Amino acid sequence: LDFGADVNEGLSLDGGLALESGDGEYLPIVKVAPTYPRRAAQRGIEGYVVVEFTVSTLGTVINPTVIESDPPSVFDSAAINAASKFKYKPKMVNGTPVEVPGVRNIIRFELDKSR
């Protein structure tokens, strides 16, 4: 049993060393909250938007587009504006940043019910 624990510790250490190699997945650094459309807020409308975009080699968002939204088109422009300001740590392959296409993000529009 003790030997098994040593093996597990070795594996987790190896995982830590692999992360230091300069390669890695893209990671969100800045996520901007969307501006709630005033008319939707006044009417108590909530919803969500799924946006898809490419994370560039600089970690910026390229070409965000709406894949799905409910209710349709109410929050689309607010979601696109927010997503275009997201910042990522770029994905690294062999120490070089690469673009990541087809990244999807769900942006929820929910009213603060505590008031």
PDB file of N, CA and C in Angstrom:
ATOM      1  N   LEU A   1       0.830  -1.203   0.000  1.00  0.00           N
ATOM      2  CA  LEU A   1       0.000   0.000   0.000  1.00  0.00           C
ATOM      3  C   LEU A   1       0.868   1.258   0.000  1.00  0.00           C
ATOM      4  N   ASP A   2       1.912   1.254   0.813  1.00  0.00           N
ATOM      5  CA  ASP A   2       2.806   2.408   0.843  1.00  0.00           C
ATOM      6  C   ASP A   2       3.425   2.638  -0.528  1.00  0.00           C
ATOM      7  N   PHE A   3       3.797   1.537  -1.183  1.00  0.00           N
ATOM      8  CA  PHE A   3       4.394   1.676  -2.514  1.00  0.00           C
ATOM      9  C   PHE A   3       3.415   2.349  -3.477  1.00  0.00           C
ATOM     10  N   GLY A   4       2.127   1.989  -3.389  1.00  0.00           N
ATOM     11  CA  GLY A   4       1.102   2.615  -4.236  1.00  0.00           C
ATOM     12  C   GLY A   4       1.043   4.117  -4.009  1.00  0.00           C
ATOM     13  N   ALA A   5       1.146   4.537  -2.759  1.00  0.00           N
ATOM     14  CA  ALA A   5       1.115   5.971  -2.461  1.00  0.00           C
ATOM     15  C   ALA A   5       2.313   6.669  -3.104  1.00  0.00           C
ATOM     16  N   ASP A   6       3.474   6.025  -3.046  1.00  0.00           N
ATOM     17  CA  ASP A   6       4.663   6.618  -3.670  1.00  0.00           C
ATOM     18  C   ASP A   6       4.457   6.782  -5.171  1.00  0.00           C
ATOM     19  N   VAL A   7       3.856   5.775  -5.795  1.00  0.00           N
ATOM     20  CA  VAL A   7       3.608   5.848  -7.236  1.00  0.00           C
ATOM     21  C   VAL A   7       2.685   7.022  -7.544  1.00  0.00           C
ATOM     22  N   ASN A   8       1.619   7.192  -6.755  1.00  0.00           N
ATOM     23  CA  ASN A   8       0.693   8.307  -6.975  1.00  0.00           C
ATOM     24  C   ASN A   8       1.395   9.651  -6.823  1.00  0.00           C
ATOM     25  N   GLU A   9       2.219   9.764  -5.799  1.00  0.00           N
ATOM     26  CA  GLU A   9       2.941  11.028  -5.610  1.00  0.00           C
ATOM     27  C   GLU A   9       3.840  11.306  -6.811  1.00  0.00           C
ATOM     28  N   GLY A  10       4.495  10.268  -7.308  1.00  0.00           N
ATOM     29  CA  GLY A  10       5.355  10.444  -8.481  1.00  0.00           C
ATOM     30  C   GLY A  10       4.552  10.929  -9.676  1.00  0.00           C
ATOM     31  N   LEU A  11       3.351  10.383  -9.879  1.00  0.00           N
ATOM     32  CA  LEU A  11       2.520  10.787 -11.007  1.00  0.00           C
ATOM     33  C   LEU A  11       2.125  12.244 -10.893  1.00  0.00           C
ATOM     34  N   SER A  12       1.717  12.684  -9.696  1.00  0.00           N
ATOM     35  CA  SER A  12       1.281  14.071  -9.560  1.00  0.00           C
ATOM     36  C   SER A  12       2.466  15.010  -9.764  1.00  0.00           C
ATOM     37  N   LEU A  13       3.651  14.584  -9.333  1.00  0.00           N
ATOM     38  CA  LEU A  13       4.847  15.399  -9.544  1.00  0.00           C
ATOM     39  C   LEU A  13       5.139  15.524 -11.041  1.00  0.00           C
ATOM     40  N   ASP A  14       5.034  14.392 -11.746  1.00  0.00           N
ATOM     41  CA  ASP A  14       5.255  14.428 -13.192  1.00  0.00           C
ATOM     42  C   ASP A  14       4.274  15.390 -13.861  1.00  0.00           C
ATOM     43  N   GLY A  15       3.006  15.355 -13.432  1.00  0.00           N
ATOM     44  CA  GLY A  15       1.999  16.260 -13.991  1.00  0.00           C
ATOM     45  C   GLY A  15       2.418  17.704 -13.785  1.00  0.00           C
ATOM     46  N   GLY A  16       2.937  18.019 -12.603  1.00  0.00           N
ATOM     47  CA  GLY A  16       3.393  19.372 -12.313  1.00  0.00           C
ATOM     48  C   GLY A  16       4.541  19.761 -13.218  1.00  0.00           C
ATOM     49  N   LEU A  17       5.475  18.841 -13.453  1.00  0.00           N
ATOM     50  CA  LEU A  17       6.615  19.134 -14.318  1.00  0.00           C
ATOM     51  C   LEU A  17       6.158  19.343 -15.761  1.00  0.00           C
ATOM     52  N   ALA A  18       5.179  18.582 -16.203  1.00  0.00           N
ATOM     53  CA  ALA A  18       4.689  18.721 -17.576  1.00  0.00           C
ATOM     54  C   ALA A  18       4.125  20.121 -17.802  1.00  0.00           C
ATOM     55  N   LEU A  19       3.461  20.685 -16.790  1.00  0.00           N
ATOM     56  CA  LEU A  19       2.881  22.021 -16.935  1.00  0.00           C
ATOM     57  C   LEU A  19       3.960  23.092 -17.092  1.00  0.00           C
ATOM     58  N   GLU A  20       5.152  22.813 -16.592  1.00  0.00           N
ATOM     59  CA  GLU A  20       6.242  23.800 -16.660  1.00  0.00           C
ATOM     60  C   GLU A  20       6.924  23.805 -18.021  1.00  0.00           C
ATOM     61  N   SER A  21       6.580  22.889 -18.911  1.00  0.00           N
ATOM     62  CA  SER A  21       7.340  22.716 -20.147  1.00  0.00           C
ATOM     63  C   SER A  21       7.073  23.814 -21.176  1.00  0.00           C
ATOM     64  N   GLY A  22       6.177  24.746 -20.887  1.00  0.00           N
ATOM     65  CA  GLY A  22       5.887  25.802 -21.849  1.00  0.00           C
ATOM     66  C   GLY A  22       4.665  25.489 -22.692  1.00  0.00           C
ATOM     67  N   ASP A  23       4.139  24.271 -22.620  1.00  0.00           N
ATOM     68  CA  ASP A  23       2.908  23.941 -23.325  1.00  0.00           C
ATOM     69  C   ASP A  23       1.742  24.096 -22.361  1.00  0.00           C
ATOM     70  N   GLY A  24       0.557  24.309 -22.910  1.00  0.00           N
ATOM     71  CA  GLY A  24      -0.600  24.375 -22.030  1.00  0.00           C
ATOM     72  C   GLY A  24      -1.833  24.825 -22.775  1.00  0.00           C
ATOM     73  N   GLU A  25      -2.967  24.534 -22.163  1.00  0.00           N
ATOM     74  CA  GLU A  25      -4.249  24.932 -22.718  1.00  0.00           C
ATOM     75  C   GLU A  25      -4.442  26.435 -22.584  1.00  0.00           C
ATOM     76  N   TYR A  26      -5.331  26.974 -23.414  1.00  0.00           N
ATOM     77  CA  TYR A  26      -5.725  28.373 -23.241  1.00  0.00           C
ATOM     78  C   TYR A  26      -6.509  28.483 -21.937  1.00  0.00           C
ATOM     79  N   LEU A  27      -6.311  29.565 -21.221  1.00  0.00           N
ATOM     80  CA  LEU A  27      -6.970  29.761 -19.937  1.00  0.00           C
ATOM     81  C   LEU A  27      -7.543  31.171 -19.877  1.00  0.00           C
ATOM     82  N   PRO A  28      -8.755  31.317 -19.364  1.00  0.00           N
ATOM     83  CA  PRO A  28      -9.314  32.666 -19.259  1.00  0.00           C
ATOM     84  C   PRO A  28      -8.553  33.502 -18.243  1.00  0.00           C
ATOM     85  N   ILE A  29      -8.247  34.733 -18.599  1.00  0.00           N
ATOM     86  CA  ILE A  29      -7.598  35.675 -17.691  1.00  0.00           C
ATOM     87  C   ILE A  29      -8.608  36.746 -17.285  1.00  0.00           C
ATOM     88  N   VAL A  30      -9.290  37.316 -18.276  1.00  0.00           N
ATOM     89  CA  VAL A  30     -10.291  38.360 -18.008  1.00  0.00           C
ATOM     90  C   VAL A  30     -11.608  37.941 -18.642  1.00  0.00           C
ATOM     91  N   LYS A  31     -12.664  37.940 -17.837  1.00  0.00           N
ATOM     92  CA  LYS A  31     -14.007  37.735 -18.376  1.00  0.00           C
ATOM     93  C   LYS A  31     -14.847  38.943 -17.989  1.00  0.00           C
ATOM     94  N   VAL A  32     -15.287  39.666 -18.970  1.00  0.00           N
ATOM     95  CA  VAL A  32     -16.046  40.886 -18.737  1.00  0.00           C
ATOM     96  C   VAL A  32     -17.522  40.541 -18.599  1.00  0.00           C
ATOM     97  N   ALA A  33     -18.149  41.058 -17.550  1.00  0.00           N
ATOM     98  CA  ALA A  33     -19.592  40.842 -17.388  1.00  0.00           C
ATOM     99  C   ALA A  33     -20.326  41.642 -18.457  1.00  0.00           C
ATOM    100  N   PRO A  34     -21.336  41.040 -19.066  1.00  0.00           N
ATOM    101  CA  PRO A  34     -22.071  41.771 -20.103  1.00  0.00           C
ATOM    102  C   PRO A  34     -22.897  42.901 -19.499  1.00  0.00           C
ATOM    103  N   THR A  35     -23.179  43.900 -20.320  1.00  0.00           N
ATOM    104  CA  THR A  35     -24.092  44.964 -19.925  1.00  0.00           C
ATOM    105  C   THR A  35     -25.512  44.449 -20.129  1.00  0.00           C
ATOM    106  N   TYR A  36     -26.305  44.481 -19.068  1.00  0.00           N
ATOM    107  CA  TYR A  36     -27.681  43.978 -19.161  1.00  0.00           C
ATOM    108  C   TYR A  36     -28.495  44.981 -19.961  1.00  0.00           C
ATOM    109  N   PRO A  37     -29.131  44.563 -21.046  1.00  0.00           N
ATOM    110  CA  PRO A  37     -29.933  45.526 -21.814  1.00  0.00           C
ATOM    111  C   PRO A  37     -31.044  46.113 -20.926  1.00  0.00           C
ATOM    112  N   ARG A  38     -31.155  47.450 -20.917  1.00  0.00           N
ATOM    113  CA  ARG A  38     -32.079  48.111 -19.999  1.00  0.00           C
ATOM    114  C   ARG A  38     -33.523  47.669 -20.206  1.00  0.00           C
ATOM    115  N   ARG A  39     -33.947  47.556 -21.452  1.00  0.00           N
ATOM    116  CA  ARG A  39     -35.345  47.167 -21.702  1.00  0.00           C
ATOM    117  C   ARG A  39     -35.632  45.764 -21.176  1.00  0.00           C
ATOM    118  N   ALA A  40     -34.660  44.867 -21.337  1.00  0.00           N
ATOM    119  CA  ALA A  40     -34.842  43.502 -20.829  1.00  0.00           C
ATOM    120  C   ALA A  40     -34.929  43.528 -19.300  1.00  0.00           C
ATOM    121  N   ALA A  41     -34.079  44.328 -18.675  1.00  0.00           N
ATOM    122  CA  ALA A  41     -34.088  44.420 -17.211  1.00  0.00           C
ATOM    123  C   ALA A  41     -35.402  44.993 -16.714  1.00  0.00           C
ATOM    124  N   GLN A  42     -35.893  46.031 -17.384  1.00  0.00           N
ATOM    125  CA  GLN A  42     -37.164  46.649 -16.974  1.00  0.00           C
ATOM    126  C   GLN A  42     -38.320  45.666 -17.079  1.00  0.00           C
ATOM    127  N   ARG A  43     -38.241  44.787 -18.054  1.00  0.00           N
ATOM    128  CA  ARG A  43     -39.319  43.811 -18.262  1.00  0.00           C
ATOM    129  C   ARG A  43     -39.087  42.509 -17.505  1.00  0.00           C
ATOM    130  N   GLY A  44     -37.970  42.431 -16.788  1.00  0.00           N
ATOM    131  CA  GLY A  44     -37.692  41.222 -16.009  1.00  0.00           C
ATOM    132  C   GLY A  44     -37.327  40.025 -16.865  1.00  0.00           C
ATOM    133  N   ILE A  45     -36.801  40.287 -18.071  1.00  0.00           N
ATOM    134  CA  ILE A  45     -36.450  39.194 -18.986  1.00  0.00           C
ATOM    135  C   ILE A  45     -35.047  38.678 -18.642  1.00  0.00           C
ATOM    136  N   GLU A  46     -34.947  37.359 -18.505  1.00  0.00           N
ATOM    137  CA  GLU A  46     -33.654  36.712 -18.292  1.00  0.00           C
ATOM    138  C   GLU A  46     -33.397  35.765 -19.456  1.00  0.00           C
ATOM    139  N   GLY A  47     -32.154  35.356 -19.601  1.00  0.00           N
ATOM    140  CA  GLY A  47     -31.847  34.419 -20.677  1.00  0.00           C
ATOM    141  C   GLY A  47     -30.378  34.098 -20.732  1.00  0.00           C
ATOM    142  N   TYR A  48     -29.963  33.526 -21.862  1.00  0.00           N
ATOM    143  CA  TYR A  48     -28.558  33.179 -22.046  1.00  0.00           C
ATOM    144  C   TYR A  48     -28.215  33.251 -23.521  1.00  0.00           C
ATOM    145  N   VAL A  49     -26.928  33.365 -23.776  1.00  0.00           N
ATOM    146  CA  VAL A  49     -26.416  33.362 -25.142  1.00  0.00           C
ATOM    147  C   VAL A  49     -25.187  32.460 -25.170  1.00  0.00           C
ATOM    148  N   VAL A  50     -25.125  31.581 -26.168  1.00  0.00           N
ATOM    149  CA  VAL A  50     -23.916  30.788 -26.390  1.00  0.00           C
ATOM    150  C   VAL A  50     -23.153  31.457 -27.529  1.00  0.00           C
ATOM    151  N   VAL A  51     -21.929  31.886 -27.233  1.00  0.00           N
ATOM    152  CA  VAL A  51     -21.091  32.501 -28.261  1.00  0.00           C
ATOM    153  C   VAL A  51     -19.949  31.546 -28.601  1.00  0.00           C
ATOM    154  N   GLU A  52     -19.532  31.601 -29.858  1.00  0.00           N
ATOM    155  CA  GLU A  52     -18.397  30.794 -30.310  1.00  0.00           C
ATOM    156  C   GLU A  52     -17.392  31.747 -30.934  1.00  0.00           C
ATOM    157  N   PHE A  53     -16.106  31.513 -30.640  1.00  0.00           N
ATOM    158  CA  PHE A  53     -15.075  32.403 -31.155  1.00  0.00           C
ATOM    159  C   PHE A  53     -13.749  31.671 -31.236  1.00  0.00           C
ATOM    160  N   THR A  54     -12.772  32.352 -31.807  1.00  0.00           N
ATOM    161  CA  THR A  54     -11.399  31.857 -31.866  1.00  0.00           C
ATOM    162  C   THR A  54     -10.573  32.624 -30.849  1.00  0.00           C
ATOM    163  N   VAL A  55      -9.769  31.902 -30.059  1.00  0.00           N
ATOM    164  CA  VAL A  55      -8.800  32.551 -29.180  1.00  0.00           C
ATOM    165  C   VAL A  55      -7.506  32.684 -29.987  1.00  0.00           C
ATOM    166  N   SER A  56      -7.040  33.928 -30.154  1.00  0.00           N
ATOM    167  CA  SER A  56      -5.878  34.189 -31.000  1.00  0.00           C
ATOM    168  C   SER A  56      -4.574  33.820 -30.292  1.00  0.00           C
ATOM    169  N   THR A  57      -3.473  33.914 -31.035  1.00  0.00           N
ATOM    170  CA  THR A  57      -2.157  33.631 -30.460  1.00  0.00           C
ATOM    171  C   THR A  57      -1.796  34.672 -29.403  1.00  0.00           C
ATOM    172  N   LEU A  58      -2.470  35.815 -29.395  1.00  0.00           N
ATOM    173  CA  LEU A  58      -2.250  36.851 -28.381  1.00  0.00           C
ATOM    174  C   LEU A  58      -3.208  36.698 -27.199  1.00  0.00           C
ATOM    175  N   GLY A  59      -4.147  35.734 -27.302  1.00  0.00           N
ATOM    176  CA  GLY A  59      -5.108  35.531 -26.220  1.00  0.00           C
ATOM    177  C   GLY A  59      -6.341  36.407 -26.328  1.00  0.00           C
ATOM    178  N   THR A  60      -6.491  37.078 -27.467  1.00  0.00           N
ATOM    179  CA  THR A  60      -7.689  37.886 -27.678  1.00  0.00           C
ATOM    180  C   THR A  60      -8.757  37.059 -28.384  1.00  0.00           C
ATOM    181  N   VAL A  61      -9.983  37.566 -28.356  1.00  0.00           N
ATOM    182  CA  VAL A  61     -11.106  36.868 -28.987  1.00  0.00           C
ATOM    183  C   VAL A  61     -11.285  37.403 -30.401  1.00  0.00           C
ATOM    184  N   ILE A  62     -11.351  36.487 -31.353  1.00  0.00           N
ATOM    185  CA  ILE A  62     -11.563  36.846 -32.751  1.00  0.00           C
ATOM    186  C   ILE A  62     -12.943  36.364 -33.181  1.00  0.00           C
ATOM    187  N   ASN A  63     -13.682  37.246 -33.831  1.00  0.00           N
ATOM    188  CA  ASN A  63     -14.910  36.885 -34.525  1.00  0.00           C
ATOM    189  C   ASN A  63     -15.925  36.144 -33.657  1.00  0.00           C
ATOM    190  N   PRO A  64     -16.362  36.725 -32.523  1.00  0.00           N
ATOM    191  CA  PRO A  64     -17.390  36.046 -31.725  1.00  0.00           C
ATOM    192  C   PRO A  64     -18.736  36.044 -32.469  1.00  0.00           C
ATOM    193  N   THR A  65     -19.378  34.882 -32.502  1.00  0.00           N
ATOM    194  CA  THR A  65     -20.681  34.777 -33.152  1.00  0.00           C
ATOM    195  C   THR A  65     -21.643  34.060 -32.210  1.00  0.00           C
ATOM    196  N   VAL A  66     -22.934  34.375 -32.364  1.00  0.00           N
ATOM    197  CA  VAL A  66     -23.964  33.754 -31.539  1.00  0.00           C
ATOM    198  C   VAL A  66     -24.341  32.417 -32.152  1.00  0.00           C
ATOM    199  N   ILE A  67     -24.260  31.358 -31.340  1.00  0.00           N
ATOM    200  CA  ILE A  67     -24.623  30.012 -31.782  1.00  0.00           C
ATOM    201  C   ILE A  67     -26.061  29.704 -31.377  1.00  0.00           C
ATOM    202  N   GLU A  68     -26.426  30.189 -30.197  1.00  0.00           N
ATOM    203  CA  GLU A  68     -27.747  29.882 -29.636  1.00  0.00           C
ATOM    204  C   GLU A  68     -28.081  30.992 -28.658  1.00  0.00           C
ATOM    205  N   SER A  69     -29.359  31.393 -28.605  1.00  0.00           N
ATOM    206  CA  SER A  69     -29.763  32.367 -27.601  1.00  0.00           C
ATOM    207  C   SER A  69     -31.223  32.171 -27.238  1.00  0.00           C
ATOM    208  N   ASP A  70     -31.513  32.451 -25.984  1.00  0.00           N
ATOM    209  CA  ASP A  70     -32.877  32.337 -25.492  1.00  0.00           C
ATOM    210  C   ASP A  70     -33.105  33.418 -24.444  1.00  0.00           C
ATOM    211  N   PRO A  71     -34.078  34.299 -24.622  1.00  0.00           N
ATOM    212  CA  PRO A  71     -34.913  34.435 -25.826  1.00  0.00           C
ATOM    213  C   PRO A  71     -34.084  34.934 -27.016  1.00  0.00           C
ATOM    214  N   PRO A  72     -34.527  34.573 -28.233  1.00  0.00           N
ATOM    215  CA  PRO A  72     -33.744  34.909 -29.422  1.00  0.00           C
ATOM    216  C   PRO A  72     -33.495  36.409 -29.555  1.00  0.00           C
ATOM    217  N   SER A  73     -32.283  36.771 -29.848  1.00  0.00           N
ATOM    218  CA  SER A  73     -31.795  38.113 -30.221  1.00  0.00           C
ATOM    219  C   SER A  73     -31.908  39.194 -29.140  1.00  0.00           C
ATOM    220  N   VAL A  74     -32.494  38.911 -27.984  1.00  0.00           N
ATOM    221  CA  VAL A  74     -32.622  39.942 -26.947  1.00  0.00           C
ATOM    222  C   VAL A  74     -31.256  40.327 -26.389  1.00  0.00           C
ATOM    223  N   PHE A  75     -30.398  39.321 -26.140  1.00  0.00           N
ATOM    224  CA  PHE A  75     -29.116  39.568 -25.475  1.00  0.00           C
ATOM    225  C   PHE A  75     -27.915  39.407 -26.411  1.00  0.00           C
ATOM    226  N   ASP A  76     -28.176  39.160 -27.701  1.00  0.00           N
ATOM    227  CA  ASP A  76     -27.086  38.823 -28.619  1.00  0.00           C
ATOM    228  C   ASP A  76     -25.985  39.877 -28.651  1.00  0.00           C
ATOM    229  N   SER A  77     -26.339  41.147 -28.878  1.00  0.00           N
ATOM    230  CA  SER A  77     -25.290  42.155 -29.040  1.00  0.00           C
ATOM    231  C   SER A  77     -24.541  42.384 -27.732  1.00  0.00           C
ATOM    232  N   ALA A  78     -25.240  42.318 -26.593  1.00  0.00           N
ATOM    233  CA  ALA A  78     -24.570  42.480 -25.296  1.00  0.00           C
ATOM    234  C   ALA A  78     -23.573  41.347 -25.067  1.00  0.00           C
ATOM    235  N   ALA A  79     -23.949  40.127 -25.459  1.00  0.00           N
ATOM    236  CA  ALA A  79     -23.064  38.966 -25.293  1.00  0.00           C
ATOM    237  C   ALA A  79     -21.844  39.076 -26.207  1.00  0.00           C
ATOM    238  N   ILE A  80     -22.051  39.499 -27.458  1.00  0.00           N
ATOM    239  CA  ILE A  80     -20.941  39.662 -28.404  1.00  0.00           C
ATOM    240  C   ILE A  80     -19.977  40.735 -27.890  1.00  0.00           C
ATOM    241  N   ASN A  81     -20.516  41.855 -27.397  1.00  0.00           N
ATOM    242  CA  ASN A  81     -19.670  42.934 -26.874  1.00  0.00           C
ATOM    243  C   ASN A  81     -18.841  42.441 -25.697  1.00  0.00           C
ATOM    244  N   ALA A  82     -19.458  41.689 -24.790  1.00  0.00           N
ATOM    245  CA  ALA A  82     -18.733  41.176 -23.623  1.00  0.00           C
ATOM    246  C   ALA A  82     -17.657  40.182 -24.062  1.00  0.00           C
ATOM    247  N   ALA A  83     -18.035  39.228 -24.922  1.00  0.00           N
ATOM    248  CA  ALA A  83     -17.092  38.181 -25.347  1.00  0.00           C
ATOM    249  C   ALA A  83     -15.893  38.784 -26.068  1.00  0.00           C
ATOM    250  N   SER A  84     -16.114  39.850 -26.826  1.00  0.00           N
ATOM    251  CA  SER A  84     -15.004  40.438 -27.584  1.00  0.00           C
ATOM    252  C   SER A  84     -13.966  41.077 -26.663  1.00  0.00           C
ATOM    253  N   LYS A  85     -14.315  41.303 -25.393  1.00  0.00           N
ATOM    254  CA  LYS A  85     -13.365  41.880 -24.428  1.00  0.00           C
ATOM    255  C   LYS A  85     -12.693  40.816 -23.564  1.00  0.00           C
ATOM    256  N   PHE A  86     -13.090  39.548 -23.719  1.00  0.00           N
ATOM    257  CA  PHE A  86     -12.445  38.480 -22.950  1.00  0.00           C
ATOM    258  C   PHE A  86     -10.960  38.422 -23.320  1.00  0.00           C
ATOM    259  N   LYS A  87     -10.145  38.023 -22.343  1.00  0.00           N
ATOM    260  CA  LYS A  87      -8.718  37.818 -22.596  1.00  0.00           C
ATOM    261  C   LYS A  87      -8.331  36.437 -22.090  1.00  0.00           C
ATOM    262  N   TYR A  88      -7.495  35.766 -22.847  1.00  0.00           N
ATOM    263  CA  TYR A  88      -7.038  34.422 -22.500  1.00  0.00           C
ATOM    264  C   TYR A  88      -5.517  34.370 -22.479  1.00  0.00           C
ATOM    265  N   LYS A  89      -5.016  33.435 -21.693  1.00  0.00           N
ATOM    266  CA  LYS A  89      -3.624  33.029 -21.841  1.00  0.00           C
ATOM    267  C   LYS A  89      -3.635  32.106 -23.053  1.00  0.00           C
ATOM    268  N   PRO A  90      -2.870  32.420 -24.107  1.00  0.00           N
ATOM    269  CA  PRO A  90      -2.979  31.611 -25.332  1.00  0.00           C
ATOM    270  C   PRO A  90      -2.547  30.161 -25.121  1.00  0.00           C
ATOM    271  N   LYS A  91      -3.086  29.276 -25.954  1.00  0.00           N
ATOM    272  CA  LYS A  91      -2.680  27.873 -25.922  1.00  0.00           C
ATOM    273  C   LYS A  91      -1.255  27.772 -26.450  1.00  0.00           C
ATOM    274  N   MET A  92      -0.435  26.995 -25.753  1.00  0.00           N
ATOM    275  CA  MET A  92       0.960  26.841 -26.162  1.00  0.00           C
ATOM    276  C   MET A  92       1.201  25.409 -26.652  1.00  0.00           C
ATOM    277  N   VAL A  93       1.829  25.285 -27.794  1.00  0.00           N
ATOM    278  CA  VAL A  93       2.248  23.989 -28.331  1.00  0.00           C
ATOM    279  C   VAL A  93       3.722  24.096 -28.685  1.00  0.00           C
ATOM    280  N   ASN A  94       4.534  23.258 -28.051  1.00  0.00           N
ATOM    281  CA  ASN A  94       5.985  23.310 -28.231  1.00  0.00           C
ATOM    282  C   ASN A  94       6.534  24.718 -27.979  1.00  0.00           C
ATOM    283  N   GLY A  95       5.958  25.393 -26.978  1.00  0.00           N
ATOM    284  CA  GLY A  95       6.439  26.717 -26.597  1.00  0.00           C
ATOM    285  C   GLY A  95       5.985  27.843 -27.511  1.00  0.00           C
ATOM    286  N   THR A  96       5.123  27.542 -28.494  1.00  0.00           N
ATOM    287  CA  THR A  96       4.644  28.561 -29.431  1.00  0.00           C
ATOM    288  C   THR A  96       3.139  28.744 -29.264  1.00  0.00           C
ATOM    289  N   PRO A  97       2.660  30.006 -29.194  1.00  0.00           N
ATOM    290  CA  PRO A  97       1.207  30.206 -29.078  1.00  0.00           C
ATOM    291  C   PRO A  97       0.495  29.806 -30.370  1.00  0.00           C
ATOM    292  N   VAL A  98      -0.666  29.174 -30.234  1.00  0.00           N
ATOM    293  CA  VAL A  98      -1.463  28.778 -31.400  1.00  0.00           C
ATOM    294  C   VAL A  98      -2.905  29.252 -31.224  1.00  0.00           C
ATOM    295  N   GLU A  99      -3.565  29.500 -32.354  1.00  0.00           N
ATOM    296  CA  GLU A  99      -4.982  29.864 -32.323  1.00  0.00           C
ATOM    297  C   GLU A  99      -5.818  28.659 -31.919  1.00  0.00           C
ATOM    298  N   VAL A 100      -6.902  28.935 -31.194  1.00  0.00           N
ATOM    299  CA  VAL A 100      -7.845  27.879 -30.832  1.00  0.00           C
ATOM    300  C   VAL A 100      -9.221  28.265 -31.375  1.00  0.00           C
ATOM    301  N   PRO A 101      -9.636  27.650 -32.489  1.00  0.00           N
ATOM    302  CA  PRO A 101     -10.960  27.951 -33.037  1.00  0.00           C
ATOM    303  C   PRO A 101     -12.053  27.175 -32.303  1.00  0.00           C
ATOM    304  N   GLY A 102     -13.288  27.624 -32.457  1.00  0.00           N
ATOM    305  CA  GLY A 102     -14.435  26.874 -31.960  1.00  0.00           C
ATOM    306  C   GLY A 102     -14.584  26.860 -30.456  1.00  0.00           C
ATOM    307  N   VAL A 103     -14.078  27.910 -29.777  1.00  0.00           N
ATOM    308  CA  VAL A 103     -14.253  27.992 -28.326  1.00  0.00           C
ATOM    309  C   VAL A 103     -15.677  28.485 -28.052  1.00  0.00           C
ATOM    310  N   ARG A 104     -16.391  27.765 -27.202  1.00  0.00           N
ATOM    311  CA  ARG A 104     -17.767  28.162 -26.881  1.00  0.00           C
ATOM    312  C   ARG A 104     -17.870  28.604 -25.435  1.00  0.00           C
ATOM    313  N   ASN A 105     -18.696  29.599 -25.229  1.00  0.00           N
ATOM    314  CA  ASN A 105     -18.882  30.155 -23.894  1.00  0.00           C
ATOM    315  C   ASN A 105     -20.350  30.504 -23.726  1.00  0.00           C
ATOM    316  N   ILE A 106     -20.930  30.152 -22.593  1.00  0.00           N
ATOM    317  CA  ILE A 106     -22.315  30.528 -22.324  1.00  0.00           C
ATOM    318  C   ILE A 106     -22.311  31.754 -21.424  1.00  0.00           C
ATOM    319  N   ILE A 107     -23.034  32.768 -21.847  1.00  0.00           N
ATOM    320  CA  ILE A 107     -23.149  34.002 -21.072  1.00  0.00           C
ATOM    321  C   ILE A 107     -24.586  34.094 -20.591  1.00  0.00           C
ATOM    322  N   ARG A 108     -24.745  34.090 -19.267  1.00  0.00           N
ATOM    323  CA  ARG A 108     -26.095  34.109 -18.683  1.00  0.00           C
ATOM    324  C   ARG A 108     -26.478  35.526 -18.291  1.00  0.00           C
ATOM    325  N   PHE A 109     -27.733  35.830 -18.534  1.00  0.00           N
ATOM    326  CA  PHE A 109     -28.291  37.112 -18.123  1.00  0.00           C
ATOM    327  C   PHE A 109     -29.344  36.837 -17.074  1.00  0.00           C
ATOM    328  N   GLU A 110     -28.999  37.121 -15.820  1.00  0.00           N
ATOM    329  CA  GLU A 110     -29.906  36.838 -14.712  1.00  0.00           C
ATOM    330  C   GLU A 110     -29.998  38.079 -13.847  1.00  0.00           C
ATOM    331  N   LEU A 111     -31.224  38.430 -13.472  1.00  0.00           N
ATOM    332  CA  LEU A 111     -31.439  39.616 -12.653  1.00  0.00           C
ATOM    333  C   LEU A 111     -31.166  39.320 -11.198  1.00  0.00           C
ATOM    334  N   ASP A 112     -30.691  40.326 -10.492  1.00  0.00           N
ATOM    335  CA  ASP A 112     -30.450  40.217  -9.061  1.00  0.00           C
ATOM    336  C   ASP A 112     -31.803  40.241  -8.354  1.00  0.00           C
ATOM    337  N   LYS A 113     -32.168  39.114  -7.748  1.00  0.00           N
ATOM    338  CA  LYS A 113     -33.490  39.001  -7.118  1.00  0.00           C
ATOM    339  C   LYS A 113     -33.489  39.487  -5.669  1.00  0.00           C
ATOM    340  N   SER A 114     -32.314  39.869  -5.169  1.00  0.00           N
ATOM    341  CA  SER A 114     -32.222  40.228  -3.751  1.00  0.00           C
ATOM    342  C   SER A 114     -32.820  41.613  -3.478  1.00  0.00           C
ATOM    343  N   ARG A 115     -33.024  42.415  -4.540  1.00  0.00           N
ATOM    344  CA  ARG A 115     -33.547  43.764  -4.325  1.00  0.00           C
ATOM    345  C   ARG A 115     -35.039  43.771  -4.152  1.00  0.00           C
TER     346      ARG A 115
END
